[in-house]
Amino acid sequence: MPTISKSKLKANMLQVFREIEESGEELIVTHNRRPVLRIRPIGTKQPVDRVFEKLRGKVVYHEDINTPTTDEWDEAQ
């Protein structure tokens, strides 16, 4: 994720905002090299595939996920 210092942001704010709007990417603002703010466009919708791409191939199902679980709930009560 790209970063920018507070001083650089202040000097180039309109240009930076335009770039964020066009790219749709988030920007981290730093103060003394420490992240302090996150700037991101409002309402940026991402496709479901992109939202869950980091989990692809990592989720393991130990049984059929469509199997009803009512028996398990009855036992817990």
N, C-alpha and C. Protein backbone atom coordinates (compact mmCIF):
# COMPACT_ATOMS: atom_id res chain seq x y z
N MET A 1 0.85 -1.16 0.00
CA MET A 1 0.00 0.00 0.00
C MET A 1 0.90 1.24 0.00
N PRO A 2 0.65 2.17 -0.90
CA PRO A 2 1.50 3.36 -0.97
C PRO A 2 1.37 4.23 0.28
N THR A 3 2.47 4.93 0.58
CA THR A 3 2.47 5.84 1.72
C THR A 3 2.94 7.23 1.28
N ILE A 4 2.60 8.23 2.11
CA ILE A 4 3.03 9.60 1.87
C ILE A 4 3.14 10.29 3.22
N SER A 5 4.11 11.18 3.35
CA SER A 5 4.27 11.90 4.61
C SER A 5 3.24 13.03 4.68
N LYS A 6 2.94 13.47 5.90
CA LYS A 6 1.98 14.56 6.08
C LYS A 6 2.42 15.80 5.32
N SER A 7 3.70 16.13 5.38
CA SER A 7 4.19 17.35 4.72
C SER A 7 4.06 17.26 3.20
N LYS A 8 4.35 16.09 2.63
CA LYS A 8 4.22 15.91 1.19
C LYS A 8 2.75 15.95 0.78
N LEU A 9 1.88 15.37 1.61
CA LEU A 9 0.45 15.40 1.33
C LEU A 9 -0.06 16.84 1.33
N LYS A 10 0.36 17.61 2.33
CA LYS A 10 -0.07 19.00 2.42
C LYS A 10 0.32 19.79 1.18
N ALA A 11 1.51 19.58 0.68
CA ALA A 11 1.99 20.33 -0.48
C ALA A 11 1.32 19.89 -1.79
N ASN A 12 0.82 18.66 -1.85
CA ASN A 12 0.28 18.12 -3.10
C ASN A 12 -1.12 17.53 -2.93
N MET A 13 -1.89 18.04 -2.00
CA MET A 13 -3.14 17.41 -1.62
C MET A 13 -4.12 17.21 -2.77
N LEU A 14 -4.38 18.22 -3.57
CA LEU A 14 -5.36 18.07 -4.67
C LEU A 14 -4.91 17.01 -5.67
N GLN A 15 -3.64 17.04 -6.01
CA GLN A 15 -3.12 16.05 -6.95
C GLN A 15 -3.23 14.63 -6.37
N VAL A 16 -2.89 14.49 -5.10
CA VAL A 16 -2.96 13.18 -4.44
C VAL A 16 -4.40 12.69 -4.41
N PHE A 17 -5.34 13.58 -4.06
CA PHE A 17 -6.75 13.20 -4.01
C PHE A 17 -7.24 12.75 -5.39
N ARG A 18 -6.84 13.44 -6.43
CA ARG A 18 -7.25 13.05 -7.79
C ARG A 18 -6.72 11.65 -8.13
N GLU A 19 -5.48 11.39 -7.76
CA GLU A 19 -4.88 10.08 -8.04
C GLU A 19 -5.62 8.97 -7.30
N ILE A 20 -6.01 9.24 -6.06
CA ILE A 20 -6.75 8.25 -5.28
C ILE A 20 -8.11 7.98 -5.92
N GLU A 21 -8.79 9.05 -6.35
CA GLU A 21 -10.09 8.89 -7.00
C GLU A 21 -9.97 8.05 -8.27
N GLU A 22 -8.94 8.31 -9.07
CA GLU A 22 -8.76 7.60 -10.33
C GLU A 22 -8.35 6.14 -10.13
N SER A 23 -7.43 5.92 -9.21
CA SER A 23 -6.89 4.57 -9.03
C SER A 23 -7.78 3.70 -8.14
N GLY A 24 -8.50 4.33 -7.20
CA GLY A 24 -9.31 3.57 -6.26
C GLY A 24 -8.50 2.94 -5.14
N GLU A 25 -7.20 3.22 -5.09
CA GLU A 25 -6.32 2.64 -4.08
C GLU A 25 -6.32 3.46 -2.80
N GLU A 26 -6.05 2.79 -1.71
CA GLU A 26 -5.89 3.46 -0.42
C GLU A 26 -4.50 4.08 -0.34
N LEU A 27 -4.36 5.07 0.52
CA LEU A 27 -3.08 5.72 0.75
C LEU A 27 -2.89 5.86 2.25
N ILE A 28 -1.71 5.51 2.74
CA ILE A 28 -1.38 5.64 4.15
C ILE A 28 -0.56 6.91 4.32
N VAL A 29 -0.99 7.75 5.28
CA VAL A 29 -0.27 8.99 5.59
C VAL A 29 0.58 8.73 6.82
N THR A 30 1.84 9.17 6.75
CA THR A 30 2.77 8.92 7.85
C THR A 30 3.18 10.23 8.52
N HIS A 31 3.57 10.09 9.77
CA HIS A 31 4.14 11.21 10.54
C HIS A 31 5.37 10.64 11.23
N ASN A 32 6.53 11.18 10.90
CA ASN A 32 7.80 10.63 11.41
C ASN A 32 7.91 9.14 11.10
N ARG A 33 7.53 8.78 9.88
CA ARG A 33 7.60 7.41 9.35
C ARG A 33 6.64 6.43 10.04
N ARG A 34 5.74 6.94 10.85
CA ARG A 34 4.76 6.09 11.53
C ARG A 34 3.39 6.29 10.88
N PRO A 35 2.70 5.24 10.48
CA PRO A 35 1.38 5.39 9.86
C PRO A 35 0.39 6.01 10.84
N VAL A 36 -0.32 7.05 10.39
CA VAL A 36 -1.28 7.73 11.26
C VAL A 36 -2.67 7.86 10.64
N LEU A 37 -2.78 7.84 9.33
CA LEU A 37 -4.06 8.00 8.65
C LEU A 37 -4.14 7.07 7.45
N ARG A 38 -5.37 6.74 7.10
CA ARG A 38 -5.62 5.98 5.87
C ARG A 38 -6.63 6.77 5.06
N ILE A 39 -6.30 7.05 3.81
CA ILE A 39 -7.22 7.76 2.92
C ILE A 39 -7.65 6.77 1.84
N ARG A 40 -8.97 6.68 1.66
CA ARG A 40 -9.47 5.78 0.63
C ARG A 40 -10.74 6.37 0.04
N PRO A 41 -11.03 6.02 -1.20
CA PRO A 41 -12.24 6.52 -1.84
C PRO A 41 -13.49 5.95 -1.16
N ILE A 42 -14.54 6.70 -1.15
CA ILE A 42 -15.80 6.24 -0.58
C ILE A 42 -16.53 5.38 -1.60
N GLY A 43 -17.13 4.31 -1.12
CA GLY A 43 -18.00 3.50 -1.97
C GLY A 43 -17.30 2.67 -3.01
N THR A 44 -16.01 2.44 -2.85
CA THR A 44 -15.33 1.59 -3.80
C THR A 44 -15.79 0.16 -3.59
N LYS A 45 -16.50 -0.36 -4.57
CA LYS A 45 -16.99 -1.73 -4.47
C LYS A 45 -15.99 -2.65 -5.16
N GLN A 46 -15.72 -3.74 -4.50
CA GLN A 46 -14.81 -4.72 -5.06
C GLN A 46 -15.58 -5.99 -5.37
N PRO A 47 -15.19 -6.66 -6.44
CA PRO A 47 -15.85 -7.93 -6.75
C PRO A 47 -15.57 -8.95 -5.65
N VAL A 48 -16.49 -9.88 -5.45
CA VAL A 48 -16.36 -10.90 -4.42
C VAL A 48 -15.06 -11.67 -4.57
N ASP A 49 -14.67 -11.98 -5.80
CA ASP A 49 -13.43 -12.72 -6.03
C ASP A 49 -12.23 -11.98 -5.46
N ARG A 50 -12.21 -10.67 -5.59
CA ARG A 50 -11.08 -9.89 -5.08
C ARG A 50 -11.09 -9.82 -3.55
N VAL A 51 -12.28 -9.69 -2.98
CA VAL A 51 -12.40 -9.60 -1.52
C VAL A 51 -11.84 -10.87 -0.86
N PHE A 52 -12.14 -12.02 -1.44
CA PHE A 52 -11.75 -13.29 -0.82
C PHE A 52 -10.54 -13.94 -1.48
N GLU A 53 -9.81 -13.23 -2.35
CA GLU A 53 -8.70 -13.86 -3.07
C GLU A 53 -7.60 -14.38 -2.15
N LYS A 54 -7.37 -13.75 -1.01
CA LYS A 54 -6.31 -14.20 -0.10
C LYS A 54 -6.69 -15.52 0.57
N LEU A 55 -7.97 -15.85 0.61
CA LEU A 55 -8.42 -17.09 1.25
C LEU A 55 -8.54 -18.25 0.28
N ARG A 56 -8.49 -17.96 -1.02
CA ARG A 56 -8.66 -19.01 -2.02
C ARG A 56 -7.63 -20.11 -1.83
N GLY A 57 -8.10 -21.33 -1.71
CA GLY A 57 -7.21 -22.48 -1.54
C GLY A 57 -6.80 -22.73 -0.09
N LYS A 58 -7.21 -21.87 0.83
CA LYS A 58 -6.81 -22.02 2.23
C LYS A 58 -7.94 -22.52 3.13
N VAL A 59 -9.17 -22.45 2.65
CA VAL A 59 -10.32 -22.89 3.44
C VAL A 59 -10.49 -24.38 3.26
N VAL A 60 -10.64 -25.09 4.38
CA VAL A 60 -10.80 -26.54 4.35
C VAL A 60 -12.16 -26.88 4.95
N TYR A 61 -12.94 -27.63 4.21
CA TYR A 61 -14.24 -28.10 4.69
C TYR A 61 -14.07 -29.54 5.15
N HIS A 62 -14.46 -29.82 6.38
CA HIS A 62 -14.32 -31.18 6.92
C HIS A 62 -15.57 -32.02 6.72
N GLU A 63 -16.65 -31.36 6.30
CA GLU A 63 -17.88 -32.08 5.98
C GLU A 63 -18.65 -31.24 4.97
N ASP A 64 -19.72 -31.79 4.47
CA ASP A 64 -20.55 -31.09 3.50
C ASP A 64 -21.14 -29.84 4.15
N ILE A 65 -20.85 -28.66 3.60
CA ILE A 65 -21.33 -27.42 4.21
C ILE A 65 -22.83 -27.23 4.05
N ASN A 66 -23.46 -28.03 3.21
CA ASN A 66 -24.90 -27.93 3.01
C ASN A 66 -25.70 -28.86 3.93
N THR A 67 -25.00 -29.63 4.76
CA THR A 67 -25.67 -30.54 5.69
C THR A 67 -26.33 -29.73 6.80
N PRO A 68 -27.59 -30.01 7.09
CA PRO A 68 -28.26 -29.27 8.18
C PRO A 68 -27.56 -29.49 9.51
N THR A 69 -27.58 -28.48 10.36
CA THR A 69 -26.89 -28.56 11.64
C THR A 69 -27.86 -28.53 12.82
N THR A 70 -29.13 -28.79 12.56
CA THR A 70 -30.13 -28.70 13.63
C THR A 70 -29.82 -29.65 14.78
N ASP A 71 -29.29 -30.85 14.50
CA ASP A 71 -28.95 -31.79 15.57
C ASP A 71 -27.90 -31.19 16.49
N GLU A 72 -26.91 -30.53 15.92
CA GLU A 72 -25.85 -29.93 16.73
C GLU A 72 -26.42 -28.84 17.64
N TRP A 73 -27.36 -28.07 17.15
CA TRP A 73 -27.96 -27.00 17.96
C TRP A 73 -28.83 -27.58 19.07
N ASP A 74 -29.53 -28.65 18.78
CA ASP A 74 -30.37 -29.27 19.79
C ASP A 74 -29.53 -29.84 20.93
N GLU A 75 -28.35 -30.38 20.62
CA GLU A 75 -27.47 -30.95 21.63
C GLU A 75 -26.91 -29.88 22.56
N ALA A 76 -26.68 -28.68 22.04
CA ALA A 76 -26.06 -27.61 22.81
C ALA A 76 -27.01 -27.02 23.84
N GLN A 77 -28.29 -27.22 23.71
CA GLN A 77 -29.25 -26.59 24.61
C GLN A 77 -29.46 -27.36 25.88
